[in-house]
C-alpha cells in the first residue's frame, strides 16, 4: 500500500509539473525569409503573388520593367507561397527562394505573352 501511494504521489507531481509548463518548453520556429524573383527578356505585363498572410496581390507594372523582386518574412505554418508573371517576350522566369534556398523555379519559353508560375 505504501509503495502504491508513493508511486501515485510521484506520478501526480510529474504530471502537475508538466501540465503547468515547468518541464516543457516549446521553442518557436524562426520565421521564413521569402524572396520572389521575376525576370524576363521583355517588359513584364502582369505579376500576381501571395503575401505573408496568404492574400493574393496584383503588382502594378510600368510597361518597361523586366525584373521584379519582393522579400518578406512569414511565420505561418504551411504557407501558401505563390508568384506568377506574364511577359511580352519569349522568356519569363520566376524563382521562389525560402531561407536562401531555391524552393521552386519555373522558366517558360513559349513565345509572345509567356507566363511562369512558382508555388510551394
PDB file of N, CA and C in Angstrom:
ATOM      1  N   UNK A   1       0.816  -1.179   0.000  1.00  0.00           N
ATOM      2  CA  UNK A   1       0.000   0.000   0.000  1.00  0.00           C
ATOM      3  C   UNK A   1       0.871   1.259   0.000  1.00  0.00           C
ATOM      4  N   UNK A   2       1.953   1.240   0.791  1.00  0.00           N
ATOM      5  CA  UNK A   2       2.841   2.396   0.856  1.00  0.00           C
ATOM      6  C   UNK A   2       3.514   2.631  -0.490  1.00  0.00           C
ATOM      7  N   UNK A   3       3.878   1.535  -1.171  1.00  0.00           N
ATOM      8  CA  UNK A   3       4.503   1.645  -2.483  1.00  0.00           C
ATOM      9  C   UNK A   3       3.537   2.257  -3.490  1.00  0.00           C
ATOM     10  N   UNK A   4       2.286   1.837  -3.459  1.00  0.00           N
ATOM     11  CA  UNK A   4       1.271   2.375  -4.359  1.00  0.00           C
ATOM     12  C   UNK A   4       1.075   3.865  -4.119  1.00  0.00           C
ATOM     13  N   UNK A   5       0.998   4.282  -2.881  1.00  0.00           N
ATOM     14  CA  UNK A   5       0.816   5.694  -2.548  1.00  0.00           C
ATOM     15  C   UNK A   5       2.018   6.514  -2.994  1.00  0.00           C
ATOM     16  N   UNK A   6       3.220   5.966  -2.829  1.00  0.00           N
ATOM     17  CA  UNK A   6       4.430   6.665  -3.241  1.00  0.00           C
ATOM     18  C   UNK A   6       4.460   6.847  -4.754  1.00  0.00           C
ATOM     19  N   UNK A   7       4.115   5.797  -5.509  1.00  0.00           N
ATOM     20  CA  UNK A   7       4.090   5.889  -6.967  1.00  0.00           C
ATOM     21  C   UNK A   7       3.050   6.892  -7.447  1.00  0.00           C
ATOM     22  N   UNK A   8       1.862   6.882  -6.824  1.00  0.00           N
ATOM     23  CA  UNK A   8       0.815   7.821  -7.209  1.00  0.00           C
ATOM     24  C   UNK A   8       1.253   9.256  -6.945  1.00  0.00           C
ATOM     25  N   UNK A   9       1.912   9.495  -5.828  1.00  0.00           N
ATOM     26  CA  UNK A   9       2.383  10.838  -5.491  1.00  0.00           C
ATOM     27  C   UNK A   9       3.433  11.297  -6.494  1.00  0.00           C
ATOM     28  N   UNK A  10       4.363  10.412  -6.848  1.00  0.00           N
ATOM     29  CA  UNK A  10       5.411  10.757  -7.808  1.00  0.00           C
ATOM     30  C   UNK A  10       4.818  11.054  -9.179  1.00  0.00           C
ATOM     31  N   UNK A  11       3.868  10.236  -9.618  1.00  0.00           N
ATOM     32  CA  UNK A  11       3.223  10.445 -10.921  1.00  0.00           C
ATOM     33  C   UNK A  11       2.430  11.743 -10.935  1.00  0.00           C
ATOM     34  N   UNK A  12       1.708  12.014  -9.876  1.00  0.00           N
ATOM     35  CA  UNK A  12       0.914  13.241  -9.788  1.00  0.00           C
ATOM     36  C   UNK A  12       1.820  14.462  -9.828  1.00  0.00           C
ATOM     37  N   UNK A  13       2.936  14.406  -9.126  1.00  0.00           N
ATOM     38  CA  UNK A  13       3.868  15.528  -9.113  1.00  0.00           C
ATOM     39  C   UNK A  13       4.455  15.762 -10.500  1.00  0.00           C
ATOM     40  N   UNK A  14       4.818  14.680 -11.195  1.00  0.00           N
ATOM     41  CA  UNK A  14       5.392  14.812 -12.533  1.00  0.00           C
ATOM     42  C   UNK A  14       4.372  15.361 -13.518  1.00  0.00           C
ATOM     43  N   UNK A  15       3.149  14.853 -13.476  1.00  0.00           N
ATOM     44  CA  UNK A  15       2.103  15.323 -14.383  1.00  0.00           C
ATOM     45  C   UNK A  15       1.758  16.770 -14.083  1.00  0.00           C
ATOM     46  N   UNK A  16       1.654  17.125 -12.822  1.00  0.00           N
ATOM     47  CA  UNK A  16       1.337  18.500 -12.451  1.00  0.00           C
ATOM     48  C   UNK A  16       2.395  19.475 -12.918  1.00  0.00           C
ATOM     49  N   UNK A  17       3.661  19.113 -12.776  1.00  0.00           N
ATOM     50  CA  UNK A  17       4.739  19.995 -13.210  1.00  0.00           C
ATOM     51  C   UNK A  17       4.708  20.186 -14.715  1.00  0.00           C
ATOM     52  N   UNK A  18       4.464  19.112 -15.450  1.00  0.00           N
ATOM     53  CA  UNK A  18       4.414  19.196 -16.904  1.00  0.00           C
ATOM     54  C   UNK A  18       3.205  20.002 -17.360  1.00  0.00           C
ATOM     55  N   UNK A  19       2.070  19.804 -16.706  1.00  0.00           N
ATOM     56  CA  UNK A  19       0.845  20.491 -17.102  1.00  0.00           C
ATOM     57  C   UNK A  19       0.981  21.999 -16.967  1.00  0.00           C
ATOM     58  N   UNK A  20       1.787  22.465 -16.040  1.00  0.00           N
ATOM     59  CA  UNK A  20       1.949  23.898 -15.843  1.00  0.00           C
ATOM     60  C   UNK A  20       3.194  24.447 -16.529  1.00  0.00           C
ATOM     61  N   UNK A  21       3.826  23.649 -17.383  1.00  0.00           N
ATOM     62  CA  UNK A  21       4.939  24.130 -18.177  1.00  0.00           C
ATOM     63  C   UNK A  21       6.281  24.126 -17.488  1.00  0.00           C
ATOM     64  N   UNK A  22       6.372  23.537 -16.315  1.00  0.00           N
ATOM     65  CA  UNK A  22       7.633  23.552 -15.589  1.00  0.00           C
ATOM     66  C   UNK A  22       8.712  22.769 -16.316  1.00  0.00           C
ATOM     67  N   UNK A  23       8.351  21.681 -16.985  1.00  0.00           N
ATOM     68  CA  UNK A  23       9.381  20.885 -17.630  1.00  0.00           C
ATOM     69  C   UNK A  23       9.201  20.809 -19.148  1.00  0.00           C
ATOM     70  N   UNK A  24       8.200  21.476 -19.698  1.00  0.00           N
ATOM     71  CA  UNK A  24       8.020  21.504 -21.150  1.00  0.00           C
ATOM     72  C   UNK A  24       8.245  22.920 -21.655  1.00  0.00           C
ATOM     73  N   UNK A  25       9.125  23.054 -22.607  1.00  0.00           N
ATOM     74  CA  UNK A  25       9.355  24.359 -23.218  1.00  0.00           C
ATOM     75  C   UNK A  25       9.247  24.199 -24.726  1.00  0.00           C
ATOM     76  N   UNK A  26       8.364  24.938 -25.331  1.00  0.00           N
ATOM     77  CA  UNK A  26       8.201  24.888 -26.780  1.00  0.00           C
ATOM     78  C   UNK A  26       8.950  26.073 -27.367  1.00  0.00           C
ATOM     79  N   UNK A  27       9.913  25.770 -28.211  1.00  0.00           N
ATOM     80  CA  UNK A  27      10.700  26.813 -28.842  1.00  0.00           C
ATOM     81  C   UNK A  27      10.062  27.170 -30.177  1.00  0.00           C
ATOM     82  N   UNK A  28       9.644  28.416 -30.350  1.00  0.00           N
ATOM     83  CA  UNK A  28       9.034  28.793 -31.627  1.00  0.00           C
ATOM     84  C   UNK A  28      10.067  28.759 -32.752  1.00  0.00           C
ATOM     85  N   UNK A  29       9.625  28.379 -33.931  1.00  0.00           N
ATOM     86  CA  UNK A  29      10.500  28.353 -35.095  1.00  0.00           C
ATOM     87  C   UNK A  29      10.685  29.782 -35.602  1.00  0.00           C
ATOM     88  N   UNK A  30      11.882  30.110 -36.061  1.00  0.00           N
ATOM     89  CA  UNK A  30      12.070  31.450 -36.616  1.00  0.00           C
ATOM     90  C   UNK A  30      11.249  31.585 -37.900  1.00  0.00           C
ATOM     91  N   UNK A  31      10.833  32.793 -38.233  1.00  0.00           N
ATOM     92  CA  UNK A  31      10.041  32.964 -39.454  1.00  0.00           C
ATOM     93  C   UNK A  31      10.881  32.682 -40.697  1.00  0.00           C
ATOM     94  N   UNK A  32      10.201  32.255 -41.761  1.00  0.00           N
ATOM     95  CA  UNK A  32      10.866  32.061 -43.049  1.00  0.00           C
ATOM     96  C   UNK A  32      11.144  33.424 -43.675  1.00  0.00           C
ATOM     97  N   UNK A  33      12.298  33.548 -44.323  1.00  0.00           N
ATOM     98  CA  UNK A  33      12.571  34.703 -45.168  1.00  0.00           C
ATOM     99  C   UNK A  33      12.301  34.252 -46.590  1.00  0.00           C
ATOM    100  N   UNK A  34      11.355  34.916 -47.239  1.00  0.00           N
ATOM    101  CA  UNK A  34      10.885  34.510 -48.564  1.00  0.00           C
ATOM    102  C   UNK A  34      11.273  35.577 -49.577  1.00  0.00           C
ATOM    103  N   UNK A  35      11.792  35.133 -50.718  1.00  0.00           N
ATOM    104  CA  UNK A  35      12.157  36.034 -51.804  1.00  0.00           C
ATOM    105  C   UNK A  35      11.506  35.542 -53.081  1.00  0.00           C
ATOM    106  N   UNK A  36      10.710  36.397 -53.707  1.00  0.00           N
ATOM    107  CA  UNK A  36      10.161  36.128 -55.036  1.00  0.00           C
ATOM    108  C   UNK A  36      11.033  36.883 -56.034  1.00  0.00           C
ATOM    109  N   UNK A  37      11.438  36.221 -57.116  1.00  0.00           N
ATOM    110  CA  UNK A  37      12.255  36.847 -58.152  1.00  0.00           C
ATOM    111  C   UNK A  37      11.615  36.571 -59.505  1.00  0.00           C
ATOM    112  N   UNK A  38      11.396  37.615 -60.278  1.00  0.00           N
ATOM    113  CA  UNK A  38      10.846  37.502 -61.629  1.00  0.00           C
ATOM    114  C   UNK A  38      11.821  38.178 -62.584  1.00  0.00           C
ATOM    115  N   UNK A  39      12.085  37.542 -63.725  1.00  0.00           N
ATOM    116  CA  UNK A  39      12.904  38.176 -64.761  1.00  0.00           C
ATOM    117  C   UNK A  39      12.382  37.761 -66.127  1.00  0.00           C
ATOM    118  N   UNK A  40      12.600  38.638 -67.107  1.00  0.00           N
ATOM    119  CA  UNK A  40      12.104  38.383 -68.455  1.00  0.00           C
ATOM    120  C   UNK A  40      13.005  39.048 -69.481  1.00  0.00           C
ATOM    121  N   UNK A  41      12.937  38.549 -70.726  1.00  0.00           N
ATOM    122  CA  UNK A  41      13.697  39.156 -71.810  1.00  0.00           C
ATOM    123  C   UNK A  41      13.001  40.398 -72.371  1.00  0.00           C
ATOM    124  N   UNK A  42      11.752  40.595 -72.008  1.00  0.00           N
ATOM    125  CA  UNK A  42      10.961  41.754 -72.451  1.00  0.00           C
ATOM    126  C   UNK A  42      10.210  42.307 -71.240  1.00  0.00           C
ATOM    127  N   UNK A  43       9.534  43.433 -71.383  1.00  0.00           N
ATOM    128  CA  UNK A  43       8.808  44.002 -70.243  1.00  0.00           C
ATOM    129  C   UNK A  43       7.752  43.054 -69.676  1.00  0.00           C
ATOM    130  N   UNK A  44       7.625  43.099 -68.362  1.00  0.00           N
ATOM    131  CA  UNK A  44       6.599  42.314 -67.665  1.00  0.00           C
ATOM    132  C   UNK A  44       5.242  42.985 -67.865  1.00  0.00           C
ATOM    133  N   UNK A  45       4.214  42.172 -68.070  1.00  0.00           N
ATOM    134  CA  UNK A  45       2.872  42.721 -68.280  1.00  0.00           C
ATOM    135  C   UNK A  45       1.937  42.447 -67.110  1.00  0.00           C
ATOM    136  N   UNK A  46       2.258  41.476 -66.264  1.00  0.00           N
ATOM    137  CA  UNK A  46       1.422  41.179 -65.095  1.00  0.00           C
ATOM    138  C   UNK A  46       2.228  40.388 -64.073  1.00  0.00           C
ATOM    139  N   UNK A  47       2.004  40.694 -62.796  1.00  0.00           N
ATOM    140  CA  UNK A  47       2.608  39.941 -61.693  1.00  0.00           C
ATOM    141  C   UNK A  47       1.529  39.746 -60.630  1.00  0.00           C
ATOM    142  N   UNK A  48       1.374  38.508 -60.179  1.00  0.00           N
ATOM    143  CA  UNK A  48       0.438  38.179 -59.106  1.00  0.00           C
ATOM    144  C   UNK A  48       1.201  37.371 -58.066  1.00  0.00           C
ATOM    145  N   UNK A  49       0.968  37.662 -56.779  1.00  0.00           N
ATOM    146  CA  UNK A  49       1.701  36.972 -55.724  1.00  0.00           C
ATOM    147  C   UNK A  49       0.880  36.908 -54.449  1.00  0.00           C
ATOM    148  N   UNK A  50       1.270  35.974 -53.552  1.00  0.00           N
ATOM    149  CA  UNK A  50       0.648  35.870 -52.224  1.00  0.00           C
ATOM    150  C   UNK A  50       1.572  36.508 -51.204  1.00  0.00           C
ATOM    151  N   UNK A  51       0.969  37.279 -50.302  1.00  0.00           N
ATOM    152  CA  UNK A  51       1.756  37.918 -49.253  1.00  0.00           C
ATOM    153  C   UNK A  51       1.930  36.975 -48.058  1.00  0.00           C
ATOM    154  N   UNK A  52       2.505  37.489 -46.979  1.00  0.00           N
ATOM    155  CA  UNK A  52       2.815  36.654 -45.811  1.00  0.00           C
ATOM    156  C   UNK A  52       1.575  36.110 -45.113  1.00  0.00           C
ATOM    157  N   UNK A  53       0.410  36.696 -45.364  1.00  0.00           N
ATOM    158  CA  UNK A  53      -0.840  36.218 -44.763  1.00  0.00           C
ATOM    159  C   UNK A  53      -1.651  35.352 -45.719  1.00  0.00           C
ATOM    160  N   UNK A  54      -1.123  35.132 -46.934  1.00  0.00           N
ATOM    161  CA  UNK A  54      -1.823  34.299 -47.910  1.00  0.00           C
ATOM    162  C   UNK A  54      -2.778  35.059 -48.805  1.00  0.00           C
ATOM    163  N   UNK A  55      -2.784  36.392 -48.728  1.00  0.00           N
ATOM    164  CA  UNK A  55      -3.665  37.193 -49.582  1.00  0.00           C
ATOM    165  C   UNK A  55      -3.049  37.370 -50.969  1.00  0.00           C
ATOM    166  N   UNK A  56      -3.861  37.228 -52.009  1.00  0.00           N
ATOM    167  CA  UNK A  56      -3.394  37.434 -53.380  1.00  0.00           C
ATOM    168  C   UNK A  56      -3.231  38.930 -53.639  1.00  0.00           C
ATOM    169  N   UNK A  57      -2.154  39.279 -54.333  1.00  0.00           N
ATOM    170  CA  UNK A  57      -1.854  40.677 -54.667  1.00  0.00           C
ATOM    171  C   UNK A  57      -1.543  40.773 -56.155  1.00  0.00           C
ATOM    172  N   UNK A  58      -2.013  41.822 -56.790  1.00  0.00           N
ATOM    173  CA  UNK A  58      -1.619  42.139 -58.160  1.00  0.00           C
ATOM    174  C   UNK A  58      -0.614  43.273 -58.079  1.00  0.00           C
ATOM    175  N   UNK A  59       0.556  43.042 -58.658  1.00  0.00           N
ATOM    176  CA  UNK A  59       1.621  44.035 -58.617  1.00  0.00           C
ATOM    177  C   UNK A  59       1.518  44.946 -59.835  1.00  0.00           C
ATOM    178  N   UNK A  60       1.439  46.259 -59.629  1.00  0.00           N
ATOM    179  CA  UNK A  60       1.429  47.165 -60.783  1.00  0.00           C
ATOM    180  C   UNK A  60       2.751  47.067 -61.546  1.00  0.00           C
ATOM    181  N   UNK A  61       2.684  47.100 -62.860  1.00  0.00           N
ATOM    182  CA  UNK A  61       3.882  47.097 -63.707  1.00  0.00           C
ATOM    183  C   UNK A  61       3.860  48.365 -64.556  1.00  0.00           C
ATOM    184  N   UNK A  62       5.051  48.852 -64.904  1.00  0.00           N
ATOM    185  CA  UNK A  62       5.129  50.138 -65.599  1.00  0.00           C
ATOM    186  C   UNK A  62       5.306  50.026 -67.112  1.00  0.00           C
ATOM    187  N   UNK A  63       5.336  48.825 -67.655  1.00  0.00           N
ATOM    188  CA  UNK A  63       5.482  48.651 -69.097  1.00  0.00           C
ATOM    189  C   UNK A  63       6.921  48.615 -69.578  1.00  0.00           C
ATOM    190  N   UNK A  64       7.878  48.857 -68.682  1.00  0.00           N
ATOM    191  CA  UNK A  64       9.290  48.810 -69.057  1.00  0.00           C
ATOM    192  C   UNK A  64      10.079  47.852 -68.169  1.00  0.00           C
ATOM    193  N   UNK A  65       9.508  47.474 -67.053  1.00  0.00           N
ATOM    194  CA  UNK A  65      10.178  46.656 -66.042  1.00  0.00           C
ATOM    195  C   UNK A  65      10.403  45.227 -66.551  1.00  0.00           C
ATOM    196  N   UNK A  66      11.655  44.744 -66.440  1.00  0.00           N
ATOM    197  CA  UNK A  66      11.989  43.372 -66.855  1.00  0.00           C
ATOM    198  C   UNK A  66      12.317  42.465 -65.677  1.00  0.00           C
ATOM    199  N   UNK A  67      12.539  43.050 -64.527  1.00  0.00           N
ATOM    200  CA  UNK A  67      12.808  42.262 -63.319  1.00  0.00           C
ATOM    201  C   UNK A  67      11.961  42.809 -62.173  1.00  0.00           C
ATOM    202  N   UNK A  68      11.688  41.932 -61.209  1.00  0.00           N
ATOM    203  CA  UNK A  68      10.924  42.325 -60.021  1.00  0.00           C
ATOM    204  C   UNK A  68      11.310  41.380 -58.902  1.00  0.00           C
ATOM    205  N   UNK A  69      11.493  41.921 -57.707  1.00  0.00           N
ATOM    206  CA  UNK A  69      11.762  41.093 -56.527  1.00  0.00           C
ATOM    207  C   UNK A  69      10.904  41.587 -55.369  1.00  0.00           C
ATOM    208  N   UNK A  70      10.593  40.673 -54.475  1.00  0.00           N
ATOM    209  CA  UNK A  70       9.841  41.013 -53.268  1.00  0.00           C
ATOM    210  C   UNK A  70      10.335  40.103 -52.151  1.00  0.00           C
ATOM    211  N   UNK A  71      10.672  40.685 -51.010  1.00  0.00           N
ATOM    212  CA  UNK A  71      11.144  39.925 -49.855  1.00  0.00           C
ATOM    213  C   UNK A  71      10.216  40.183 -48.674  1.00  0.00           C
ATOM    214  N   UNK A  72       9.897  39.120 -47.944  1.00  0.00           N
ATOM    215  CA  UNK A  72       9.093  39.258 -46.734  1.00  0.00           C
ATOM    216  C   UNK A  72       9.400  38.101 -45.798  1.00  0.00           C
ATOM    217  N   UNK A  73       8.939  38.205 -44.567  1.00  0.00           N
ATOM    218  CA  UNK A  73       9.070  37.104 -43.616  1.00  0.00           C
ATOM    219  C   UNK A  73       7.684  36.557 -43.311  1.00  0.00           C
ATOM    220  N   UNK A  74       7.640  35.263 -43.025  1.00  0.00           N
ATOM    221  CA  UNK A  74       6.366  34.606 -42.737  1.00  0.00           C
ATOM    222  C   UNK A  74       6.566  33.581 -41.638  1.00  0.00           C
ATOM    223  N   UNK A  75       5.688  33.615 -40.650  1.00  0.00           N
ATOM    224  CA  UNK A  75       5.715  32.604 -39.596  1.00  0.00           C
ATOM    225  C   UNK A  75       4.446  31.758 -39.635  1.00  0.00           C
ATOM    226  N   UNK A  76       3.791  31.721 -40.786  1.00  0.00           N
ATOM    227  CA  UNK A  76       2.575  30.933 -40.983  1.00  0.00           C
ATOM    228  C   UNK A  76       2.965  29.472 -41.218  1.00  0.00           C
ATOM    229  N   UNK A  77       2.298  28.549 -40.530  1.00  0.00           N
ATOM    230  CA  UNK A  77       2.538  27.119 -40.754  1.00  0.00           C
ATOM    231  C   UNK A  77       1.972  26.730 -42.116  1.00  0.00           C
ATOM    232  N   UNK A  78       2.712  25.967 -42.890  1.00  0.00           N
ATOM    233  CA  UNK A  78       2.314  25.548 -44.238  1.00  0.00           C
ATOM    234  C   UNK A  78       1.877  26.731 -45.099  1.00  0.00           C
ATOM    235  N   UNK A  79       2.764  27.692 -45.293  1.00  0.00           N
ATOM    236  CA  UNK A  79       2.396  28.897 -46.024  1.00  0.00           C
ATOM    237  C   UNK A  79       2.125  28.624 -47.505  1.00  0.00           C
ATOM    238  N   UNK A  80       1.190  29.354 -48.078  1.00  0.00           N
ATOM    239  CA  UNK A  80       0.851  29.175 -49.492  1.00  0.00           C
ATOM    240  C   UNK A  80       1.663  30.117 -50.386  1.00  0.00           C
ATOM    241  N   UNK A  81       2.980  29.938 -50.447  1.00  0.00           N
ATOM    242  CA  UNK A  81       3.808  30.821 -51.264  1.00  0.00           C
ATOM    243  C   UNK A  81       3.426  30.674 -52.731  1.00  0.00           C
ATOM    244  N   UNK A  82       3.330  31.817 -53.440  1.00  0.00           N
ATOM    245  CA  UNK A  82       2.906  31.790 -54.840  1.00  0.00           C
ATOM    246  C   UNK A  82       3.328  33.090 -55.518  1.00  0.00           C
ATOM    247  N   UNK A  83       3.878  32.965 -56.717  1.00  0.00           N
ATOM    248  CA  UNK A  83       4.152  34.126 -57.558  1.00  0.00           C
ATOM    249  C   UNK A  83       4.010  33.695 -59.012  1.00  0.00           C
ATOM    250  N   UNK A  84       3.430  34.564 -59.823  1.00  0.00           N
ATOM    251  CA  UNK A  84       3.238  34.281 -61.240  1.00  0.00           C
ATOM    252  C   UNK A  84       3.450  35.576 -62.010  1.00  0.00           C
ATOM    253  N   UNK A  85       4.030  35.453 -63.201  1.00  0.00           N
ATOM    254  CA  UNK A  85       4.270  36.645 -64.012  1.00  0.00           C
ATOM    255  C   UNK A  85       4.048  36.342 -65.480  1.00  0.00           C
ATOM    256  N   UNK A  86       3.607  37.374 -66.181  1.00  0.00           N
ATOM    257  CA  UNK A  86       3.427  37.283 -67.625  1.00  0.00           C
ATOM    258  C   UNK A  86       4.312  38.341 -68.258  1.00  0.00           C
ATOM    259  N   UNK A  87       4.845  38.002 -69.443  1.00  0.00           N
ATOM    260  CA  UNK A  87       5.769  38.884 -70.130  1.00  0.00           C
ATOM    261  C   UNK A  87       5.343  39.074 -71.576  1.00  0.00           C
ATOM    262  N   UNK A  88       5.741  40.199 -72.140  1.00  0.00           N
ATOM    263  CA  UNK A  88       5.505  40.458 -73.560  1.00  0.00           C
ATOM    264  C   UNK A  88       6.548  39.751 -74.418  1.00  0.00           C
ATOM    265  N   UNK A  89       7.505  39.096 -73.799  1.00  0.00           N
ATOM    266  CA  UNK A  89       8.579  38.445 -74.530  1.00  0.00           C
ATOM    267  C   UNK A  89       8.437  36.946 -74.619  1.00  0.00           C
ATOM    268  N   UNK A  90       9.537  36.299 -75.003  1.00  0.00           N
ATOM    269  CA  UNK A  90       9.542  34.852 -75.197  1.00  0.00           C
ATOM    270  C   UNK A  90       9.896  34.097 -73.925  1.00  0.00           C
ATOM    271  N   UNK A  91      10.605  34.740 -73.010  1.00  0.00           N
ATOM    272  CA  UNK A  91      11.064  34.035 -71.816  1.00  0.00           C
ATOM    273  C   UNK A  91      10.721  34.829 -70.562  1.00  0.00           C
ATOM    274  N   UNK A  92      10.138  34.145 -69.598  1.00  0.00           N
ATOM    275  CA  UNK A  92       9.911  34.723 -68.273  1.00  0.00           C
ATOM    276  C   UNK A  92      10.243  33.640 -67.247  1.00  0.00           C
ATOM    277  N   UNK A  93      10.928  34.042 -66.180  1.00  0.00           N
ATOM    278  CA  UNK A  93      11.365  33.103 -65.148  1.00  0.00           C
ATOM    279  C   UNK A  93      10.909  33.597 -63.783  1.00  0.00           C
ATOM    280  N   UNK A  94      10.425  32.671 -62.968  1.00  0.00           N
ATOM    281  CA  UNK A  94      10.131  33.001 -61.570  1.00  0.00           C
ATOM    282  C   UNK A  94      10.956  32.075 -60.688  1.00  0.00           C
ATOM    283  N   UNK A  95      11.335  32.604 -59.530  1.00  0.00           N
ATOM    284  CA  UNK A  95      12.040  31.816 -58.519  1.00  0.00           C
ATOM    285  C   UNK A  95      11.389  32.091 -57.176  1.00  0.00           C
ATOM    286  N   UNK A  96      11.213  31.039 -56.422  1.00  0.00           N
ATOM    287  CA  UNK A  96      10.713  31.127 -55.054  1.00  0.00           C
ATOM    288  C   UNK A  96      11.853  30.657 -54.163  1.00  0.00           C
ATOM    289  N   UNK A  97      12.422  31.570 -53.385  1.00  0.00           N
ATOM    290  CA  UNK A  97      13.578  31.275 -52.547  1.00  0.00           C
ATOM    291  C   UNK A  97      13.159  31.426 -51.086  1.00  0.00           C
ATOM    292  N   UNK A  98      13.340  30.362 -50.307  1.00  0.00           N
ATOM    293  CA  UNK A  98      12.961  30.370 -48.894  1.00  0.00           C
ATOM    294  C   UNK A  98      14.207  30.100 -48.058  1.00  0.00           C
ATOM    295  N   UNK A  99      14.511  31.018 -47.160  1.00  0.00           N
ATOM    296  CA  UNK A  99      15.684  30.912 -46.285  1.00  0.00           C
ATOM    297  C   UNK A  99      16.964  30.673 -47.073  1.00  0.00           C
ATOM    298  N   UNK A 100      17.101  31.378 -48.205  1.00  0.00           N
ATOM    299  CA  UNK A 100      18.309  31.313 -49.008  1.00  0.00           C
ATOM    300  C   UNK A 100      18.414  30.136 -49.956  1.00  0.00           C
ATOM    301  N   UNK A 101      17.412  29.268 -49.994  1.00  0.00           N
ATOM    302  CA  UNK A 101      17.447  28.091 -50.868  1.00  0.00           C
ATOM    303  C   UNK A 101      16.333  28.176 -51.901  1.00  0.00           C
ATOM    304  N   UNK A 102      16.679  27.904 -53.164  1.00  0.00           N
ATOM    305  CA  UNK A 102      15.666  27.914 -54.220  1.00  0.00           C
ATOM    306  C   UNK A 102      14.714  26.757 -53.977  1.00  0.00           C
ATOM    307  N   UNK A 103      13.455  27.080 -53.727  1.00  0.00           N
ATOM    308  CA  UNK A 103      12.437  26.068 -53.469  1.00  0.00           C
ATOM    309  C   UNK A 103      11.754  25.666 -54.774  1.00  0.00           C
ATOM    310  N   UNK A 104      11.480  26.649 -55.642  1.00  0.00           N
ATOM    311  CA  UNK A 104      10.826  26.393 -56.925  1.00  0.00           C
ATOM    312  C   UNK A 104      11.394  27.363 -57.952  1.00  0.00           C
ATOM    313  N   UNK A 105      11.606  26.855 -59.169  1.00  0.00           N
ATOM    314  CA  UNK A 105      11.999  27.713 -60.285  1.00  0.00           C
ATOM    315  C   UNK A 105      11.254  27.245 -61.521  1.00  0.00           C
ATOM    316  N   UNK A 106      10.710  28.197 -62.269  1.00  0.00           N
ATOM    317  CA  UNK A 106       9.985  27.875 -63.494  1.00  0.00           C
ATOM    318  C   UNK A 106      10.384  28.876 -64.559  1.00  0.00           C
ATOM    319  N   UNK A 107      10.840  28.377 -65.685  1.00  0.00           N
ATOM    320  CA  UNK A 107      11.147  29.215 -66.836  1.00  0.00           C
ATOM    321  C   UNK A 107      10.245  28.787 -67.972  1.00  0.00           C
ATOM    322  N   UNK A 108       9.552  29.750 -68.550  1.00  0.00           N
ATOM    323  CA  UNK A 108       8.654  29.449 -69.655  1.00  0.00           C
ATOM    324  C   UNK A 108       9.143  30.164 -70.900  1.00  0.00           C
ATOM    325  N   UNK A 109       9.299  29.424 -71.973  1.00  0.00           N
ATOM    326  CA  UNK A 109       9.679  29.983 -73.256  1.00  0.00           C
ATOM    327  C   UNK A 109       8.659  29.502 -74.274  1.00  0.00           C
ATOM    328  N   UNK A 110       7.636  30.300 -74.479  1.00  0.00           N
ATOM    329  CA  UNK A 110       6.569  29.872 -75.383  1.00  0.00           C
ATOM    330  C   UNK A 110       6.225  30.914 -76.432  1.00  0.00           C
ATOM    331  N   UNK A 111       7.027  31.945 -76.532  1.00  0.00           N
ATOM    332  CA  UNK A 111       6.701  32.990 -77.498  1.00  0.00           C
ATOM    333  C   UNK A 111       6.022  34.157 -76.819  1.00  0.00           C
ATOM    334  N   UNK A 112       5.327  34.933 -77.608  1.00  0.00           N
ATOM    335  CA  UNK A 112       4.669  36.143 -77.113  1.00  0.00           C
ATOM    336  C   UNK A 112       3.710  35.823 -75.961  1.00  0.00           C
ATOM    337  N   UNK A 113       3.728  36.646 -74.931  1.00  0.00           N
ATOM    338  CA  UNK A 113       2.852  36.520 -73.758  1.00  0.00           C
ATOM    339  C   UNK A 113       3.119  35.243 -72.957  1.00  0.00           C
ATOM    340  N   UNK A 114       4.387  35.008 -72.619  1.00  0.00           N
ATOM    341  CA  UNK A 114       4.779  33.857 -71.793  1.00  0.00           C
ATOM    342  C   UNK A 114       4.353  34.073 -70.346  1.00  0.00           C
ATOM    343  N   UNK A 115       4.085  32.967 -69.638  1.00  0.00           N
ATOM    344  CA  UNK A 115       3.736  33.025 -68.220  1.00  0.00           C
ATOM    345  C   UNK A 115       4.555  31.987 -67.458  1.00  0.00           C
ATOM    346  N   UNK A 116       5.090  32.386 -66.309  1.00  0.00           N
ATOM    347  CA  UNK A 116       5.790  31.460 -65.412  1.00  0.00           C
ATOM    348  C   UNK A 116       5.112  31.534 -64.049  1.00  0.00           C
ATOM    349  N   UNK A 117       4.964  30.379 -63.397  1.00  0.00           N
ATOM    350  CA  UNK A 117       4.302  30.312 -62.096  1.00  0.00           C
ATOM    351  C   UNK A 117       5.125  29.464 -61.134  1.00  0.00           C
ATOM    352  N   UNK A 118       5.318  29.974 -59.926  1.00  0.00           N
ATOM    353  CA  UNK A 118       6.009  29.234 -58.868  1.00  0.00           C
ATOM    354  C   UNK A 118       5.111  29.188 -57.642  1.00  0.00           C
ATOM    355  N   UNK A 119       4.922  27.999 -57.087  1.00  0.00           N
ATOM    356  CA  UNK A 119       4.178  27.869 -55.836  1.00  0.00           C
ATOM    357  C   UNK A 119       4.735  26.705 -55.045  1.00  0.00           C
ATOM    358  N   UNK A 120       4.613  26.821 -53.762  1.00  0.00           N
ATOM    359  CA  UNK A 120       5.111  25.751 -52.910  1.00  0.00           C
ATOM    360  C   UNK A 120       5.268  26.186 -51.491  1.00  0.00           C
TER     361      UNK A 120
END
